[in-house]
Every structure is written in C-alpha cells, then in structure tokens.
PDB file of all heavy atoms in Angstrom:
ATOM      1  N   THR A   1       4.413   4.839  -0.875  1.00  0.00           N
ATOM      2  CA  THR A   1       4.664   6.268  -0.722  1.00  0.00           C
ATOM      3  C   THR A   1       6.083   6.496  -0.213  1.00  0.00           C
ATOM      4  O   THR A   1       6.782   5.551   0.187  1.00  0.00           O
ATOM      5  CB  THR A   1       3.687   6.905   0.282  1.00  0.00           C
ATOM      6  OG1 THR A   1       3.952   6.376   1.589  1.00  0.00           O
ATOM      7  CG2 THR A   1       2.245   6.615  -0.100  1.00  0.00           C
ATOM      8  N   ASP A   2       6.478   7.764  -0.170  1.00  0.00           N
ATOM      9  CA  ASP A   2       7.810   8.110   0.321  1.00  0.00           C
ATOM     10  C   ASP A   2       7.998   7.710   1.780  1.00  0.00           C
ATOM     11  O   ASP A   2       9.135   7.515   2.228  1.00  0.00           O
ATOM     12  CB  ASP A   2       8.046   9.621   0.180  1.00  0.00           C
ATOM     13  CG  ASP A   2       8.200  10.054  -1.266  1.00  0.00           C
ATOM     14  OD1 ASP A   2       8.405   9.174  -2.128  1.00  0.00           O
ATOM     15  OD2 ASP A   2       8.118  11.270  -1.538  1.00  0.00           O
ATOM     16  N   MET A   3       6.911   7.602   2.531  1.00  0.00           N
ATOM     17  CA  MET A   3       7.009   7.248   3.945  1.00  0.00           C
ATOM     18  C   MET A   3       7.654   5.883   4.138  1.00  0.00           C
ATOM     19  O   MET A   3       8.262   5.602   5.177  1.00  0.00           O
ATOM     20  CB  MET A   3       5.622   7.278   4.595  1.00  0.00           C
ATOM     21  CG  MET A   3       5.645   7.124   6.101  1.00  0.00           C
ATOM     22  SD  MET A   3       4.009   7.294   6.866  1.00  0.00           S
ATOM     23  CE  MET A   3       3.742   9.055   6.699  1.00  0.00           C
ATOM     24  N   ASN A   4       7.547   5.027   3.127  1.00  0.00           N
ATOM     25  CA  ASN A   4       8.133   3.690   3.222  1.00  0.00           C
ATOM     26  C   ASN A   4       9.412   3.545   2.406  1.00  0.00           C
ATOM     27  O   ASN A   4       9.917   2.437   2.225  1.00  0.00           O
ATOM     28  CB  ASN A   4       7.108   2.654   2.751  1.00  0.00           C
ATOM     29  CG  ASN A   4       5.872   2.628   3.628  1.00  0.00           C
ATOM     30  OD1 ASN A   4       5.975   2.563   4.852  1.00  0.00           O
ATOM     31  ND2 ASN A   4       4.697   2.687   3.015  1.00  0.00           N
ATOM     32  N   SER A   5       9.940   4.664   1.930  1.00  0.00           N
ATOM     33  CA  SER A   5      11.127   4.610   1.070  1.00  0.00           C
ATOM     34  C   SER A   5      12.383   4.183   1.819  1.00  0.00           C
ATOM     35  O   SER A   5      13.391   3.817   1.192  1.00  0.00           O
ATOM     36  CB  SER A   5      11.351   5.971   0.400  1.00  0.00           C
ATOM     37  OG  SER A   5      11.586   6.972   1.381  1.00  0.00           O
ATOM     38  N   HIS A   6      12.343   4.229   3.162  1.00  0.00           N
ATOM     39  CA  HIS A   6      13.521   3.842   3.936  1.00  0.00           C
ATOM     40  C   HIS A   6      13.713   2.325   3.951  1.00  0.00           C
ATOM     41  O   HIS A   6      14.782   1.838   4.324  1.00  0.00           O
ATOM     42  CB  HIS A   6      13.397   4.340   5.377  1.00  0.00           C
ATOM     43  CG  HIS A   6      12.277   3.699   6.141  1.00  0.00           C
ATOM     44  ND1 HIS A   6      10.959   4.076   5.975  1.00  0.00           N
ATOM     45  CD2 HIS A   6      12.273   2.706   7.072  1.00  0.00           C
ATOM     46  CE1 HIS A   6      10.193   3.339   6.768  1.00  0.00           C
ATOM     47  NE2 HIS A   6      10.962   2.507   7.435  1.00  0.00           N
ATOM     48  N   LEU A   7      12.699   1.592   3.535  1.00  0.00           N
ATOM     49  CA  LEU A   7      12.791   0.132   3.540  1.00  0.00           C
ATOM     50  C   LEU A   7      13.642  -0.362   2.368  1.00  0.00           C
ATOM     51  O   LEU A   7      13.521   0.138   1.248  1.00  0.00           O
ATOM     52  CB  LEU A   7      11.397  -0.496   3.449  1.00  0.00           C
ATOM     53  CG  LEU A   7      10.443  -0.225   4.615  1.00  0.00           C
ATOM     54  CD1 LEU A   7       9.042  -0.727   4.283  1.00  0.00           C
ATOM     55  CD2 LEU A   7      10.954  -0.881   5.891  1.00  0.00           C
ATOM     56  N   SER A   8      14.482  -1.340   2.637  1.00  0.00           N
ATOM     57  CA  SER A   8      15.276  -1.937   1.570  1.00  0.00           C
ATOM     58  C   SER A   8      14.385  -2.831   0.713  1.00  0.00           C
ATOM     59  O   SER A   8      13.260  -3.170   1.097  1.00  0.00           O
ATOM     60  CB  SER A   8      16.418  -2.771   2.163  1.00  0.00           C
ATOM     61  OG  SER A   8      15.887  -3.911   2.843  1.00  0.00           O
ATOM     62  N   ASN A   9      14.889  -3.223  -0.455  1.00  0.00           N
ATOM     63  CA  ASN A   9      14.127  -4.127  -1.320  1.00  0.00           C
ATOM     64  C   ASN A   9      13.837  -5.445  -0.612  1.00  0.00           C
ATOM     65  O   ASN A   9      12.742  -6.015  -0.758  1.00  0.00           O
ATOM     66  CB  ASN A   9      14.896  -4.394  -2.616  1.00  0.00           C
ATOM     67  CG  ASN A   9      14.952  -3.175  -3.508  1.00  0.00           C
ATOM     68  OD1 ASN A   9      14.098  -2.294  -3.423  1.00  0.00           O
ATOM     69  ND2 ASN A   9      15.969  -3.097  -4.357  1.00  0.00           N
ATOM     70  N   GLU A  10      14.812  -5.915   0.169  1.00  0.00           N
ATOM     71  CA  GLU A  10      14.632  -7.168   0.888  1.00  0.00           C
ATOM     72  C   GLU A  10      13.529  -7.035   1.941  1.00  0.00           C
ATOM     73  O   GLU A  10      12.704  -7.939   2.121  1.00  0.00           O
ATOM     74  CB  GLU A  10      15.941  -7.594   1.565  1.00  0.00           C
ATOM     75  CG  GLU A  10      17.038  -8.037   0.601  1.00  0.00           C
ATOM     76  CD  GLU A  10      17.718  -6.856  -0.101  1.00  0.00           C
ATOM     77  OE1 GLU A  10      17.526  -5.683   0.360  1.00  0.00           O
ATOM     78  OE2 GLU A  10      18.434  -7.080  -1.097  1.00  0.00           O
ATOM     79  N   GLU A  11      13.515  -5.881   2.639  1.00  0.00           N
ATOM     80  CA  GLU A  11      12.492  -5.655   3.656  1.00  0.00           C
ATOM     81  C   GLU A  11      11.106  -5.552   3.016  1.00  0.00           C
ATOM     82  O   GLU A  11      10.130  -6.101   3.537  1.00  0.00           O
ATOM     83  CB  GLU A  11      12.814  -4.384   4.440  1.00  0.00           C
ATOM     84  CG  GLU A  11      14.017  -4.526   5.367  1.00  0.00           C
ATOM     85  CD  GLU A  11      14.447  -3.205   5.974  1.00  0.00           C
ATOM     86  OE1 GLU A  11      14.357  -2.158   5.289  1.00  0.00           O
ATOM     87  OE2 GLU A  11      14.905  -3.222   7.139  1.00  0.00           O
ATOM     88  N   GLN A  12      11.021  -4.857   1.894  1.00  0.00           N
ATOM     89  CA  GLN A  12       9.737  -4.757   1.209  1.00  0.00           C
ATOM     90  C   GLN A  12       9.256  -6.121   0.729  1.00  0.00           C
ATOM     91  O   GLN A  12       8.074  -6.452   0.858  1.00  0.00           O
ATOM     92  CB  GLN A  12       9.833  -3.791   0.027  1.00  0.00           C
ATOM     93  CG  GLN A  12       9.947  -2.331   0.430  1.00  0.00           C
ATOM     94  CD  GLN A  12       9.561  -1.393  -0.702  1.00  0.00           C
ATOM     95  OE1 GLN A  12       8.711  -1.706  -1.528  1.00  0.00           O
ATOM     96  NE2 GLN A  12      10.206  -0.239  -0.746  1.00  0.00           N
ATOM     97  N   ASP A  13      10.181  -6.914   0.183  1.00  0.00           N
ATOM     98  CA  ASP A  13       9.806  -8.258  -0.287  1.00  0.00           C
ATOM     99  C   ASP A  13       9.291  -9.120   0.862  1.00  0.00           C
ATOM    100  O   ASP A  13       8.343  -9.896   0.702  1.00  0.00           O
ATOM    101  CB  ASP A  13      10.995  -8.936  -0.958  1.00  0.00           C
ATOM    102  CG  ASP A  13      11.331  -8.317  -2.310  1.00  0.00           C
ATOM    103  OD1 ASP A  13      10.478  -7.595  -2.861  1.00  0.00           O
ATOM    104  OD2 ASP A  13      12.454  -8.546  -2.803  1.00  0.00           O
ATOM    105  N   SER A  14       9.926  -8.984   2.023  1.00  0.00           N
ATOM    106  CA  SER A  14       9.508  -9.762   3.193  1.00  0.00           C
ATOM    107  C   SER A  14       8.096  -9.362   3.626  1.00  0.00           C
ATOM    108  O   SER A  14       7.268 -10.224   3.974  1.00  0.00           O
ATOM    109  CB  SER A  14      10.492  -9.530   4.346  1.00  0.00           C
ATOM    110  OG  SER A  14      10.067 -10.202   5.522  1.00  0.00           O
ATOM    111  N   ILE A  15       7.812  -8.064   3.583  1.00  0.00           N
ATOM    112  CA  ILE A  15       6.477  -7.588   3.945  1.00  0.00           C
ATOM    113  C   ILE A  15       5.442  -8.084   2.941  1.00  0.00           C
ATOM    114  O   ILE A  15       4.366  -8.563   3.312  1.00  0.00           O
ATOM    115  CB  ILE A  15       6.459  -6.052   4.027  1.00  0.00           C
ATOM    116  CG1 ILE A  15       7.280  -5.592   5.229  1.00  0.00           C
ATOM    117  CG2 ILE A  15       5.036  -5.523   4.127  1.00  0.00           C
ATOM    118  CD1 ILE A  15       7.502  -4.096   5.287  1.00  0.00           C
ATOM    119  N   ILE A  16       5.771  -7.979   1.662  1.00  0.00           N
ATOM    120  CA  ILE A  16       4.845  -8.418   0.618  1.00  0.00           C
ATOM    121  C   ILE A  16       4.512  -9.891   0.779  1.00  0.00           C
ATOM    122  O   ILE A  16       3.370 -10.318   0.575  1.00  0.00           O
ATOM    123  CB  ILE A  16       5.439  -8.134  -0.775  1.00  0.00           C
ATOM    124  CG1 ILE A  16       5.457  -6.624  -1.032  1.00  0.00           C
ATOM    125  CG2 ILE A  16       4.649  -8.844  -1.870  1.00  0.00           C
ATOM    126  CD1 ILE A  16       6.202  -6.215  -2.276  1.00  0.00           C
ATOM    127  N   ASP A  17       5.504 -10.689   1.184  1.00  0.00           N
ATOM    128  CA  ASP A  17       5.274 -12.118   1.391  1.00  0.00           C
ATOM    129  C   ASP A  17       4.238 -12.388   2.481  1.00  0.00           C
ATOM    130  O   ASP A  17       3.591 -13.440   2.493  1.00  0.00           O
ATOM    131  CB  ASP A  17       6.588 -12.822   1.762  1.00  0.00           C
ATOM    132  CG  ASP A  17       7.506 -13.009   0.558  1.00  0.00           C
ATOM    133  OD1 ASP A  17       7.008 -12.896  -0.586  1.00  0.00           O
ATOM    134  OD2 ASP A  17       8.708 -13.241   0.758  1.00  0.00           O
ATOM    135  N   SER A  18       4.087 -11.424   3.403  1.00  0.00           N
ATOM    136  CA  SER A  18       3.146 -11.615   4.510  1.00  0.00           C
ATOM    137  C   SER A  18       1.773 -10.995   4.248  1.00  0.00           C
ATOM    138  O   SER A  18       0.861 -11.133   5.059  1.00  0.00           O
ATOM    139  CB  SER A  18       3.730 -11.022   5.800  1.00  0.00           C
ATOM    140  OG  SER A  18       3.861  -9.612   5.694  1.00  0.00           O
ATOM    141  N   ILE A  19       1.629 -10.329   3.113  1.00  0.00           N
ATOM    142  CA  ILE A  19       0.352  -9.711   2.750  1.00  0.00           C
ATOM    143  C   ILE A  19      -0.415 -10.667   1.836  1.00  0.00           C
ATOM    144  O   ILE A  19       0.080 -11.028   0.765  1.00  0.00           O
ATOM    145  CB  ILE A  19       0.575  -8.360   2.025  1.00  0.00           C
ATOM    146  CG1 ILE A  19       1.307  -7.374   2.941  1.00  0.00           C
ATOM    147  CG2 ILE A  19      -0.763  -7.763   1.564  1.00  0.00           C
ATOM    148  CD1 ILE A  19       1.705  -6.070   2.254  1.00  0.00           C
ATOM    149  N   PRO A  20      -1.602 -11.092   2.222  1.00  0.00           N
ATOM    150  CA  PRO A  20      -2.362 -12.036   1.386  1.00  0.00           C
ATOM    151  C   PRO A  20      -2.567 -11.558  -0.049  1.00  0.00           C
ATOM    152  O   PRO A  20      -2.591 -12.377  -0.977  1.00  0.00           O
ATOM    153  CB  PRO A  20      -3.693 -12.167   2.134  1.00  0.00           C
ATOM    154  CG  PRO A  20      -3.321 -11.966   3.562  1.00  0.00           C
ATOM    155  CD  PRO A  20      -2.272 -10.897   3.536  1.00  0.00           C
ATOM    156  N   ALA A  21      -2.729 -10.255  -0.240  1.00  0.00           N
ATOM    157  CA  ALA A  21      -2.911  -9.732  -1.599  1.00  0.00           C
ATOM    158  C   ALA A  21      -1.615  -9.782  -2.403  1.00  0.00           C
ATOM    159  O   ALA A  21      -1.631  -9.537  -3.619  1.00  0.00           O
ATOM    160  CB  ALA A  21      -3.430  -8.295  -1.559  1.00  0.00           C
ATOM    161  N   MET A  22      -0.501 -10.076  -1.732  1.00  0.00           N
ATOM    162  CA  MET A  22       0.820 -10.263  -2.356  1.00  0.00           C
ATOM    163  C   MET A  22       1.320  -9.012  -3.096  1.00  0.00           C
ATOM    164  O   MET A  22       2.010  -9.095  -4.098  1.00  0.00           O
ATOM    165  CB  MET A  22       0.780 -11.451  -3.326  1.00  0.00           C
ATOM    166  CG  MET A  22       0.549 -12.783  -2.651  1.00  0.00           C
ATOM    167  SD  MET A  22       1.801 -13.153  -1.379  1.00  0.00           S
ATOM    168  CE  MET A  22       3.281 -13.324  -2.390  1.00  0.00           C
ATOM    169  N   ARG A  23       0.973  -7.842  -2.576  1.00  0.00           N
ATOM    170  CA  ARG A  23       1.491  -6.611  -3.154  1.00  0.00           C
ATOM    171  C   ARG A  23       1.281  -5.462  -2.189  1.00  0.00           C
ATOM    172  O   ARG A  23       0.524  -5.571  -1.208  1.00  0.00           O
ATOM    173  CB  ARG A  23       0.803  -6.289  -4.475  1.00  0.00           C
ATOM    174  CG  ARG A  23      -0.693  -5.991  -4.371  1.00  0.00           C
ATOM    175  CD  ARG A  23      -1.290  -5.651  -5.719  1.00  0.00           C
ATOM    176  NE  ARG A  23      -2.725  -5.377  -5.642  1.00  0.00           N
ATOM    177  CZ  ARG A  23      -3.244  -4.184  -5.342  1.00  0.00           C
ATOM    178  NH1 ARG A  23      -2.439  -3.146  -5.095  1.00  0.00           N
ATOM    179  NH2 ARG A  23      -4.547  -4.009  -5.290  1.00  0.00           N
ATOM    180  N   ILE A  24       1.939  -4.350  -2.484  1.00  0.00           N
ATOM    181  CA  ILE A  24       1.747  -3.111  -1.739  1.00  0.00           C
ATOM    182  C   ILE A  24       0.604  -2.324  -2.383  1.00  0.00           C
ATOM    183  O   ILE A  24       0.417  -2.369  -3.598  1.00  0.00           O
ATOM    184  CB  ILE A  24       3.056  -2.283  -1.757  1.00  0.00           C
ATOM    185  CG1 ILE A  24       4.148  -3.022  -0.966  1.00  0.00           C
ATOM    186  CG2 ILE A  24       2.844  -0.890  -1.190  1.00  0.00           C
ATOM    187  CD1 ILE A  24       5.507  -2.364  -1.054  1.00  0.00           C
ATOM    188  N   GLY A  25      -0.155  -1.622  -1.581  1.00  0.00           N
ATOM    189  CA  GLY A  25      -1.236  -0.810  -2.104  1.00  0.00           C
ATOM    190  C   GLY A  25      -0.723   0.456  -2.771  1.00  0.00           C
ATOM    191  O   GLY A  25       0.426   0.859  -2.586  1.00  0.00           O
ATOM    192  N   THR A  26      -1.570   1.099  -3.544  1.00  0.00           N
ATOM    193  CA  THR A  26      -1.190   2.324  -4.248  1.00  0.00           C
ATOM    194  C   THR A  26      -1.949   3.519  -3.685  1.00  0.00           C
ATOM    195  O   THR A  26      -3.069   3.384  -3.181  1.00  0.00           O
ATOM    196  CB  THR A  26      -1.481   2.224  -5.757  1.00  0.00           C
ATOM    197  OG1 THR A  26      -2.912   2.253  -5.952  1.00  0.00           O
ATOM    198  CG2 THR A  26      -0.900   0.948  -6.341  1.00  0.00           C
ATOM    199  N   PRO A  27      -1.362   4.723  -3.778  1.00  0.00           N
ATOM    200  CA  PRO A  27      -2.068   5.929  -3.344  1.00  0.00           C
ATOM    201  C   PRO A  27      -3.393   6.125  -4.070  1.00  0.00           C
ATOM    202  O   PRO A  27      -4.359   6.612  -3.475  1.00  0.00           O
ATOM    203  CB  PRO A  27      -1.075   7.048  -3.673  1.00  0.00           C
ATOM    204  CG  PRO A  27       0.267   6.395  -3.599  1.00  0.00           C
ATOM    205  CD  PRO A  27       0.044   5.014  -4.153  1.00  0.00           C
ATOM    206  N   ASP A  28      -3.449   5.745  -5.336  1.00  0.00           N
ATOM    207  CA  ASP A  28      -4.695   5.903  -6.087  1.00  0.00           C
ATOM    208  C   ASP A  28      -5.806   5.022  -5.520  1.00  0.00           C
ATOM    209  O   ASP A  28      -6.988   5.409  -5.532  1.00  0.00           O
ATOM    210  CB  ASP A  28      -4.477   5.568  -7.565  1.00  0.00           C
ATOM    211  CG  ASP A  28      -3.702   6.650  -8.301  1.00  0.00           C
ATOM    212  OD1 ASP A  28      -3.512   7.747  -7.724  1.00  0.00           O
ATOM    213  OD2 ASP A  28      -3.282   6.397  -9.443  1.00  0.00           O
ATOM    214  N   GLU A  29      -5.445   3.844  -5.023  1.00  0.00           N
ATOM    215  CA  GLU A  29      -6.455   2.974  -4.417  1.00  0.00           C
ATOM    216  C   GLU A  29      -6.992   3.590  -3.122  1.00  0.00           C
ATOM    217  O   GLU A  29      -8.192   3.519  -2.839  1.00  0.00           O
ATOM    218  CB  GLU A  29      -5.857   1.594  -4.139  1.00  0.00           C
ATOM    219  CG  GLU A  29      -5.614   0.773  -5.395  1.00  0.00           C
ATOM    220  CD  GLU A  29      -4.901  -0.535  -5.121  1.00  0.00           C
ATOM    221  OE1 GLU A  29      -3.878  -0.532  -4.404  1.00  0.00           O
ATOM    222  OE2 GLU A  29      -5.372  -1.567  -5.619  1.00  0.00           O
ATOM    223  N   VAL A  30      -6.103   4.178  -2.352  1.00  0.00           N
ATOM    224  CA  VAL A  30      -6.536   4.860  -1.130  1.00  0.00           C
ATOM    225  C   VAL A  30      -7.445   6.035  -1.490  1.00  0.00           C
ATOM    226  O   VAL A  30      -8.486   6.250  -0.864  1.00  0.00           O
ATOM    227  CB  VAL A  30      -5.333   5.350  -0.313  1.00  0.00           C
ATOM    228  CG1 VAL A  30      -5.797   6.124   0.915  1.00  0.00           C
ATOM    229  CG2 VAL A  30      -4.449   4.176   0.109  1.00  0.00           C
ATOM    230  N   ALA A  31      -7.049   6.786  -2.507  1.00  0.00           N
ATOM    231  CA  ALA A  31      -7.842   7.945  -2.939  1.00  0.00           C
ATOM    232  C   ALA A  31      -9.245   7.532  -3.356  1.00  0.00           C
ATOM    233  O   ALA A  31     -10.228   8.210  -3.031  1.00  0.00           O
ATOM    234  CB  ALA A  31      -7.139   8.659  -4.089  1.00  0.00           C
ATOM    235  N   GLU A  32      -9.363   6.432  -4.059  1.00  0.00           N
ATOM    236  CA  GLU A  32     -10.678   5.955  -4.492  1.00  0.00           C
ATOM    237  C   GLU A  32     -11.531   5.573  -3.285  1.00  0.00           C
ATOM    238  O   GLU A  32     -12.741   5.842  -3.251  1.00  0.00           O
ATOM    239  CB  GLU A  32     -10.523   4.771  -5.436  1.00  0.00           C
ATOM    240  CG  GLU A  32     -11.796   4.367  -6.148  1.00  0.00           C
ATOM    241  CD  GLU A  32     -12.354   5.468  -7.043  1.00  0.00           C
ATOM    242  OE1 GLU A  32     -11.558   6.103  -7.776  1.00  0.00           O
ATOM    243  OE2 GLU A  32     -13.587   5.702  -7.011  1.00  0.00           O
ATOM    244  N   ALA A  33     -10.892   4.953  -2.291  1.00  0.00           N
ATOM    245  CA  ALA A  33     -11.620   4.576  -1.074  1.00  0.00           C
ATOM    246  C   ALA A  33     -12.079   5.815  -0.314  1.00  0.00           C
ATOM    247  O   ALA A  33     -13.200   5.850   0.218  1.00  0.00           O
ATOM    248  CB  ALA A  33     -10.740   3.705  -0.188  1.00  0.00           C
ATOM    249  N   VAL A  34     -11.232   6.829  -0.255  1.00  0.00           N
ATOM    250  CA  VAL A  34     -11.597   8.075   0.426  1.00  0.00           C
ATOM    251  C   VAL A  34     -12.765   8.743  -0.288  1.00  0.00           C
ATOM    252  O   VAL A  34     -13.726   9.201   0.348  1.00  0.00           O
ATOM    253  CB  VAL A  34     -10.387   9.032   0.495  1.00  0.00           C
ATOM    254  CG1 VAL A  34     -10.824  10.416   0.964  1.00  0.00           C
ATOM    255  CG2 VAL A  34      -9.318   8.477   1.423  1.00  0.00           C
ATOM    256  N   TYR A  35     -12.700   8.796  -1.605  1.00  0.00           N
ATOM    257  CA  TYR A  35     -13.795   9.412  -2.346  1.00  0.00           C
ATOM    258  C   TYR A  35     -15.097   8.643  -2.105  1.00  0.00           C
ATOM    259  O   TYR A  35     -16.163   9.241  -1.893  1.00  0.00           O
ATOM    260  CB  TYR A  35     -13.499   9.473  -3.836  1.00  0.00           C
ATOM    261  CG  TYR A  35     -14.669  10.030  -4.611  1.00  0.00           C
ATOM    262  CD1 TYR A  35     -14.970  11.383  -4.547  1.00  0.00           C
ATOM    263  CD2 TYR A  35     -15.513   9.191  -5.346  1.00  0.00           C
ATOM    264  CE1 TYR A  35     -16.076  11.893  -5.203  1.00  0.00           C
ATOM    265  CE2 TYR A  35     -16.616   9.700  -5.994  1.00  0.00           C
ATOM    266  CZ  TYR A  35     -16.895  11.049  -5.930  1.00  0.00           C
ATOM    267  OH  TYR A  35     -17.998  11.554  -6.561  1.00  0.00           O
ATOM    268  N   SER A  36     -15.017   7.325  -2.119  1.00  0.00           N
ATOM    269  CA  SER A  36     -16.205   6.510  -1.883  1.00  0.00           C
ATOM    270  C   SER A  36     -16.791   6.797  -0.501  1.00  0.00           C
ATOM    271  O   SER A  36     -18.015   6.925  -0.344  1.00  0.00           O
ATOM    272  CB  SER A  36     -15.858   5.029  -2.004  1.00  0.00           C
ATOM    273  OG  SER A  36     -16.975   4.211  -1.731  1.00  0.00           O
ATOM    274  N   LEU A  37     -15.929   6.911   0.508  1.00  0.00           N
ATOM    275  CA  LEU A  37     -16.402   7.234   1.857  1.00  0.00           C
ATOM    276  C   LEU A  37     -17.122   8.572   1.885  1.00  0.00           C
ATOM    277  O   LEU A  37     -18.117   8.749   2.597  1.00  0.00           O
ATOM    278  CB  LEU A  37     -15.218   7.277   2.830  1.00  0.00           C
ATOM    279  CG  LEU A  37     -14.879   6.011   3.613  1.00  0.00           C
ATOM    280  CD1 LEU A  37     -13.675   6.269   4.500  1.00  0.00           C
ATOM    281  CD2 LEU A  37     -16.072   5.555   4.442  1.00  0.00           C
ATOM    282  N   SER A  38     -16.628   9.520   1.115  1.00  0.00           N
ATOM    283  CA  SER A  38     -17.205  10.862   1.126  1.00  0.00           C
ATOM    284  C   SER A  38     -18.604  10.897   0.510  1.00  0.00           C
ATOM    285  O   SER A  38     -19.345  11.863   0.712  1.00  0.00           O
ATOM    286  CB  SER A  38     -16.298  11.839   0.373  1.00  0.00           C
ATOM    287  OG  SER A  38     -16.406  11.673  -1.026  1.00  0.00           O
ATOM    288  N   THR A  39     -18.948   9.871  -0.230  1.00  0.00           N
ATOM    289  CA  THR A  39     -20.253   9.845  -0.906  1.00  0.00           C
ATOM    290  C   THR A  39     -21.272   8.956  -0.185  1.00  0.00           C
ATOM    291  O   THR A  39     -22.420   8.874  -0.617  1.00  0.00           O
ATOM    292  CB  THR A  39     -20.107   9.335  -2.352  1.00  0.00           C
ATOM    293  OG1 THR A  39     -19.669   7.967  -2.330  1.00  0.00           O
ATOM    294  CG2 THR A  39     -19.096  10.176  -3.129  1.00  0.00           C
ATOM    295  N   GLN A  40     -20.841   8.292   0.872  1.00  0.00           N
ATOM    296  CA  GLN A  40     -21.734   7.375   1.585  1.00  0.00           C
ATOM    297  C   GLN A  40     -22.752   8.122   2.445  1.00  0.00           C
ATOM    298  O   GLN A  40     -22.563   9.284   2.813  1.00  0.00           O
ATOM    299  CB  GLN A  40     -20.919   6.431   2.466  1.00  0.00           C
ATOM    300  CG  GLN A  40     -19.974   5.518   1.711  1.00  0.00           C
ATOM    301  CD  GLN A  40     -20.702   4.605   0.747  1.00  0.00           C
ATOM    302  OE1 GLN A  40     -21.693   3.970   1.117  1.00  0.00           O
ATOM    303  NE2 GLN A  40     -20.213   4.534  -0.481  1.00  0.00           N
TER     304      GLN A  40
END
C-alpha cells in the first residue's frame, strides 16, 4: 500500500528476505480475510 511507499527498493527487498512467504501481501488478500471474518 501507499503507507509503505517511503521504503526504498533495497529496504523492501531486505524485508522480503525476512518474510518466510518471500513476498509482500496484497490489499486484496487482506480484503478476503476481512470478508471471511465477517461471515464467521
């Protein structure tokens, strides 16, 4: 999201290296999780 736009490419790559899933999440994935919570 734009909230993380201040990070440089190098900083983002460093963070991704520390995430086991090896990637950044997407807003659509969060949205799907929120919708699922609303139906529980």
